[in-house]
Every structure is written in C-alpha cells, then in structure tokens.
Amino acid sequence: MFETSQHVLGPFSLGQGRKMIHTGTLAGGDMWNPAQAGEVFVTMGKMLMDGEEIKAGIDIPGLGVIDPDVEGRDIITDNLLEVDRKTVHKLADMGL
C-alpha cells in the first residue's frame, strides 16, 4: 500500500481554524497582518500626497525595500505572518 497526500488551499478564520491546526487537520498557513496593511496604506498615501514617487528600491516601513509593478499597480511583498501551532492562538486573540 502507498501513502497519499491531501492538500487543502484556501482562506480560513484563525478563530475557527485554530482547533483544526491543533488537531492536525490543517498544517497552518501564512497571512498578512491587516493592521500592518492599514499602516502601509496610510504611509504610502502620505508619500504620494507629499509628492514622493513609489518606485523600485525605496524602503517603505512595514514592507521593506520594494520592486513595484507600476503598470499592473501591484506591490508584492514577502512579509507574511506564519500561522502554525505556535502562533495561531496569539494571532487569533489579536482578531486576525
């Protein structure tokens, strides 16, 4: 007999998902802190209001050094919070 592997991909509420993480039903995941996202949006809005250009190589607090896709209007970053057995309760208790 051979082992099979099953994967589930999709969003879940940390408050509801923490039990599934502790039972092993879900391994965990990654997420961006919405509070930090709000801070980044305000920072970038102020930069634009002050006449600063959002361009490659600048350091935006909360994002780090960026390389935006100006044409696609995207800024992709790798500042995700890891959700696992060690972090899920703290993140869920924060309301994330």
Protein backbone atom coordinates (compact mmCIF):
# COMPACT_ATOMS: atom_id res chain seq x y z
CA MET A 1 0.00 0.00 0.00
CA PHE A 2 1.23 3.51 -0.72
CA GLU A 3 0.65 6.75 1.13
CA THR A 4 -1.36 9.53 -0.40
CA SER A 5 -1.08 13.16 0.46
CA GLN A 6 -4.02 15.54 0.61
CA HIS A 7 -3.78 19.30 0.48
CA VAL A 8 -6.33 21.99 1.13
CA LEU A 9 -5.75 25.51 -0.06
CA GLY A 10 -7.93 28.44 0.87
CA PRO A 11 -8.68 31.11 3.40
CA PHE A 12 -9.87 30.38 6.93
CA SER A 13 -10.64 32.33 10.07
CA LEU A 14 -7.93 31.88 12.69
CA GLY A 15 -10.52 31.87 15.45
CA GLN A 16 -12.32 28.98 13.78
CA GLY A 17 -9.23 27.33 12.34
CA ARG A 18 -7.08 27.14 15.46
CA LYS A 19 -8.77 23.92 16.62
CA MET A 20 -8.11 22.34 13.21
CA ILE A 21 -4.45 23.37 13.41
CA HIS A 22 -4.07 21.75 16.83
CA THR A 23 -5.78 18.53 15.71
CA GLY A 24 -3.56 18.37 12.63
CA THR A 25 -6.44 18.80 10.17
CA LEU A 26 -4.72 21.96 8.95
CA ALA A 27 -0.94 22.35 8.95
CA GLY A 28 -1.16 26.12 9.06
CA GLY A 29 -0.60 28.89 6.58
CA ASP A 30 0.57 32.41 6.02
CA MET A 31 -1.21 35.73 6.24
CA TRP A 32 -0.55 39.44 6.13
CA ASN A 33 -1.45 41.36 9.25
CA PRO A 34 -4.40 43.61 8.26
CA ALA A 35 -3.44 46.21 10.88
CA GLN A 36 0.02 46.46 9.35
CA ALA A 37 -1.55 46.65 5.89
CA GLY A 38 -3.56 49.68 7.05
CA GLU A 39 -0.40 51.35 8.32
CA VAL A 40 1.33 50.69 4.99
CA PHE A 41 -1.59 52.17 3.04
CA VAL A 42 -1.51 55.33 5.18
CA THR A 43 2.28 55.60 4.80
CA MET A 44 2.07 55.22 1.03
CA GLY A 45 -0.84 57.67 0.80
CA LYS A 46 1.18 60.26 2.71
CA MET A 47 4.19 59.63 0.47
CA LEU A 48 2.06 60.26 -2.62
CA MET A 49 0.49 63.38 -1.08
CA ASP A 50 3.99 64.66 -0.32
CA GLY A 51 4.93 64.18 -3.97
CA GLU A 52 7.15 61.15 -3.41
CA GLU A 53 7.25 58.51 -6.11
CA ILE A 54 6.58 54.87 -5.26
CA LYS A 55 9.43 53.25 -7.16
CA ALA A 56 11.82 50.31 -7.07
CA GLY A 57 14.41 50.36 -4.33
CA ILE A 58 12.65 52.56 -1.78
CA ASP A 59 12.15 51.26 1.74
CA ILE A 60 8.56 51.52 2.94
CA PRO A 61 8.07 50.84 6.66
CA GLY A 62 6.13 47.60 7.05
CA LEU A 63 7.03 46.42 3.54
CA GLY A 64 10.76 46.83 3.29
CA VAL A 65 12.54 47.56 0.03
CA ILE A 66 10.04 47.29 -2.81
CA ASP A 67 10.06 46.49 -6.50
CA PRO A 68 6.58 47.54 -7.65
CA ASP A 69 4.85 46.53 -10.87
CA VAL A 70 3.73 50.07 -11.75
CA GLU A 71 1.84 49.04 -14.88
CA GLY A 72 -0.02 46.29 -13.03
CA ARG A 73 -0.42 48.53 -9.97
CA ASP A 74 0.96 45.83 -7.68
CA ILE A 75 3.45 45.79 -4.88
CA ILE A 76 4.22 42.23 -3.92
CA THR A 77 5.98 41.62 -0.66
CA ASP A 78 7.03 38.67 1.43
CA ASN A 79 6.15 39.98 4.90
CA LEU A 80 3.75 37.23 5.83
CA LEU A 81 3.00 36.00 9.32
CA GLU A 82 3.39 32.26 9.72
CA VAL A 83 0.31 30.57 11.15
CA ASP A 84 1.07 27.31 12.93
CA ARG A 85 0.57 25.62 16.30
CA LYS A 86 2.97 28.06 17.96
CA THR A 87 1.39 31.27 16.60
CA VAL A 88 -2.29 30.61 15.91
CA HIS A 89 -3.64 31.45 19.39
CA LYS A 90 -1.79 34.77 19.65
CA LEU A 91 -2.86 35.81 16.15
CA ALA A 92 -6.48 34.71 16.68
CA ASP A 93 -6.61 36.56 20.01
CA MET A 94 -5.46 39.70 18.15
CA GLY A 95 -8.57 39.34 15.98
CA LEU A 96 -6.66 38.43 12.84
